Amino acid sequence: MNCKIINLVAIISLLIFSNTLFAEEFNIIEVKPRIITPGTSAGINDYLIVNYENPKDSNVAGKIITLNGCFVADMLNNDMTERITWNGKDDTAKVVPSGIYIYQIDVEGKIFNGTVIVAK
């Protein structure tokens, strides 16, 4: 095999690999934990953490709502770590009652939804 063919194969392989390795659009990587226990003295699972990839550096905003659609709180976004969090508290800084809540993450008008359980 000559050098030009080997280089071409290497370039094509690199392009295929880089397209599968790096996201081209916003992508949620991980949501953890699915059950949070805010306000406990243990300090474990106090926060919902959503890790994401944001290759276009789009504005990311998140909020928490009840199953009835009532606003609870905004999520805290740290663009430097590509992570958005919620501490299990409402917009008045009070720990919310136990139950199921919906997180909504808005990126360029596209909404990503999921649920989190608050347990005490």
Foldseek 3Di string as FASTA:
>chain_A
DDPVVVVVVVVVVVVVVVPVPADPAKDWDDWPDQEAAAPDPVPPRQKIKIAIHHVPLFDKWKFKAAPVGHGFDTWDDDSVRRMTMDRCHGPVRHRDDWDKMKMWMATPNDIDIDIGTYDD
